[in-house]
Protein backbone atom coordinates (compact mmCIF):
# COMPACT_ATOMS: atom_id res chain seq x y z
CA UNK A 1 16.07 -22.63 -1.60
CA UNK A 2 16.72 -20.60 -4.69
CA UNK A 3 13.88 -18.58 -6.20
CA UNK A 4 12.81 -19.40 -9.73
CA UNK A 5 12.70 -16.64 -12.33
CA UNK A 6 8.91 -16.44 -11.87
CA UNK A 7 9.13 -16.12 -8.10
CA UNK A 8 11.86 -13.49 -8.41
CA UNK A 9 9.77 -11.53 -10.91
CA UNK A 10 6.69 -11.66 -8.68
CA UNK A 11 8.59 -10.57 -5.58
CA UNK A 12 10.25 -7.75 -7.51
CA UNK A 13 6.82 -6.62 -8.72
CA UNK A 14 5.58 -6.27 -5.14
CA UNK A 15 8.83 -4.70 -3.99
CA UNK A 16 8.65 -1.81 -6.47
CA UNK A 17 5.04 -1.10 -5.47
CA UNK A 18 5.97 -1.03 -1.79
CA UNK A 19 8.89 1.32 -2.48
CA UNK A 20 6.68 3.57 -4.61
CA UNK A 21 3.95 3.55 -1.96
CA UNK A 22 6.55 4.61 0.61
CA UNK A 23 7.77 7.48 -1.58
CA UNK A 24 4.28 8.62 -2.59
CA UNK A 25 3.11 8.46 1.02
CA UNK A 26 5.98 10.73 2.00
CA UNK A 27 5.17 13.09 -0.90
CA UNK A 28 1.58 13.27 0.31
CA UNK A 29 2.83 13.89 3.86
CA UNK A 30 4.83 16.89 2.65
CA UNK A 31 2.22 18.37 0.32
CA UNK A 32 -1.17 18.07 2.02
CA UNK A 33 -3.13 21.09 3.21
CA UNK A 34 -6.62 21.51 4.56
CA UNK A 35 -9.00 20.11 7.14
CA UNK A 36 -7.67 17.43 9.48
CA UNK A 37 -4.16 18.22 8.26
CA UNK A 38 -2.40 17.14 11.45
CA UNK A 39 -4.23 13.81 11.76
CA UNK A 40 -3.62 12.86 8.13
CA UNK A 41 -0.03 14.13 8.29
CA UNK A 42 0.68 11.82 11.24
CA UNK A 43 -1.27 8.93 9.73
CA UNK A 44 0.78 9.16 6.54
CA UNK A 45 3.96 8.85 8.59
CA UNK A 46 2.56 5.70 10.19
CA UNK A 47 1.81 4.24 6.75
CA UNK A 48 5.21 5.24 5.36
CA UNK A 49 7.03 3.65 8.28
CA UNK A 50 5.12 0.36 7.97
CA UNK A 51 5.55 0.19 4.19
CA UNK A 52 9.26 0.92 4.51
CA UNK A 53 9.57 -2.01 6.92
CA UNK A 54 7.56 -4.21 4.51
CA UNK A 55 9.84 -3.36 1.58
CA UNK A 56 12.92 -4.14 3.66
CA UNK A 57 11.47 -7.45 4.86
CA UNK A 58 10.63 -8.40 1.30
CA UNK A 59 14.03 -7.40 -0.08
CA UNK A 60 15.77 -9.39 2.64
CA UNK A 61 13.50 -12.37 1.95
CA UNK A 62 14.47 -12.08 -1.72
CA UNK A 63 18.15 -12.21 -0.77
CA UNK A 64 17.49 -15.27 1.40
CA UNK A 65 16.02 -16.88 -1.71
CA UNK A 66 19.05 -15.80 -3.76
CA UNK A 67 16.98 -13.31 -5.75
CA UNK A 68 18.33 -9.83 -6.31
CA UNK A 69 16.00 -6.99 -5.28
CA UNK A 70 16.16 -3.87 -7.44
CA UNK A 71 14.96 -0.76 -5.62
CA UNK A 72 16.64 1.80 -7.83
CA UNK A 73 14.47 4.82 -8.55
CA UNK A 74 14.45 4.23 -12.32
CA UNK A 75 13.35 0.62 -11.80
CA UNK A 76 10.60 1.65 -9.40
CA UNK A 77 9.35 4.42 -11.71
CA UNK A 78 9.32 2.10 -14.73
CA UNK A 79 7.63 -0.90 -13.07
CA UNK A 80 5.29 0.40 -10.37
CA UNK A 81 1.60 -0.42 -10.64
CA UNK A 82 0.71 2.77 -8.76
CA UNK A 83 -0.41 5.92 -10.55
CA UNK A 84 1.88 8.92 -10.15
CA UNK A 85 1.13 11.27 -7.27
CA UNK A 86 0.20 14.79 -8.40
CA UNK A 87 2.67 17.60 -7.87
CA UNK A 88 2.01 20.67 -5.79
CA UNK A 89 -0.18 21.08 -2.75
CA UNK A 90 -3.00 18.58 -2.36
CA UNK A 91 -6.17 19.10 -0.35
CA UNK A 92 -6.46 16.60 2.49
CA UNK A 93 -9.78 15.23 1.18
CA UNK A 94 -8.19 14.60 -2.22
CA UNK A 95 -5.11 13.11 -0.57
CA UNK A 96 -7.32 10.64 1.33
CA UNK A 97 -8.67 9.34 -1.98
CA UNK A 98 -5.23 9.35 -3.63
CA UNK A 99 -3.59 7.41 -0.81
CA UNK A 100 -6.49 4.97 -0.55
CA UNK A 101 -6.19 4.31 -4.30
CA UNK A 102 -2.47 3.60 -3.94
CA UNK A 103 -2.91 1.35 -0.91
CA UNK A 104 -5.56 -0.62 -2.81
CA UNK A 105 -3.41 -0.86 -5.96
CA UNK A 106 -0.56 -2.27 -3.87
CA UNK A 107 -2.86 -4.86 -2.31
CA UNK A 108 -4.30 -5.73 -5.73
CA UNK A 109 -0.82 -6.51 -7.05
CA UNK A 110 0.10 -8.59 -4.02
CA UNK A 111 -3.12 -10.57 -4.47
CA UNK A 112 -2.44 -10.95 -8.21
CA UNK A 113 0.90 -12.70 -7.61
CA UNK A 114 -0.01 -14.42 -4.33
CA UNK A 115 -1.03 -17.84 -5.64
CA UNK A 116 2.10 -18.25 -7.76
CA UNK A 117 4.25 -17.15 -4.82
CA UNK A 118 2.43 -19.48 -2.43
CA UNK A 119 2.94 -22.41 -4.79
CA UNK A 120 6.71 -22.01 -4.72
CA UNK A 121 7.33 -20.38 -1.35
CA UNK A 122 4.61 -20.47 1.33
CA UNK A 123 6.87 -18.56 3.73
CA UNK A 124 6.89 -15.51 1.48
CA UNK A 125 3.13 -15.90 0.97
CA UNK A 126 2.82 -15.62 4.75
CA UNK A 127 4.69 -12.31 4.60
CA UNK A 128 2.26 -11.20 1.92
CA UNK A 129 -0.68 -12.06 4.18
CA UNK A 130 0.70 -9.76 6.87
CA UNK A 131 1.30 -6.98 4.32
CA UNK A 132 -2.24 -7.31 2.95
CA UNK A 133 -3.79 -7.27 6.40
CA UNK A 134 -2.04 -4.05 7.40
CA UNK A 135 -2.43 -2.29 4.04
CA UNK A 136 -6.15 -3.06 3.98
CA UNK A 137 -6.46 -1.72 7.52
CA UNK A 138 -4.67 1.47 6.47
CA UNK A 139 -6.96 1.77 3.44
CA UNK A 140 -10.05 1.43 5.61
CA UNK A 141 -8.78 3.92 8.18
CA UNK A 142 -7.68 6.52 5.62
CA UNK A 143 -10.79 6.19 3.44
CA UNK A 144 -13.08 6.58 6.48
CA UNK A 145 -12.00 10.23 6.58
CA UNK A 146 -14.12 10.95 3.47
CA UNK A 147 -17.02 8.60 4.16
CA UNK A 148 -20.43 9.50 5.50
CA UNK A 149 -22.25 7.09 7.78
CA UNK A 150 -24.57 4.56 6.18
CA UNK A 151 -28.11 4.64 7.43
CA UNK A 152 -28.83 1.54 9.48
CA UNK A 153 -32.20 -0.22 9.42
CA UNK A 154 -32.92 1.00 12.99
CA UNK A 155 -32.19 4.64 12.11
CA UNK A 156 -34.43 4.40 9.03
CA UNK A 157 -37.22 2.89 11.13
CA UNK A 158 -36.82 5.64 13.76
CA UNK A 159 -37.26 8.32 11.07
CA UNK A 160 -40.50 6.71 9.88
CA UNK A 161 -42.08 6.75 13.35
């Protein structure tokens, strides 16, 4: 099978976001300071490793479909849907929000192109499902660092008694 121009464009769009997420995750890894530094530092490496694998899987899938992946830094910088990561040291609490935002932006783009991809190539859509599942799990796990527990109905009732 040879990818159409639309399929190639959609896969390239996801590829640049995955590459940018990898690079920004590493930048965060190097620049964070503050509470829970070690845990977030290690968690960022886990995210970076997974996203690097995802980008490689996608680029190789593109080649199997006779599409040409473009992971050059200028291409990534020009076409990424992710906001730029701030320079300098970043507090861990801020980094949690920044990384969560970038994970979610990557998922949003995959979802935006998913139906068109699925129409032409369900196999690649299956890859996207796996990417989404893991990226959403990372988003949940990272964002939990800054969340406070919601009050359950039973804890509210206990306070009233």
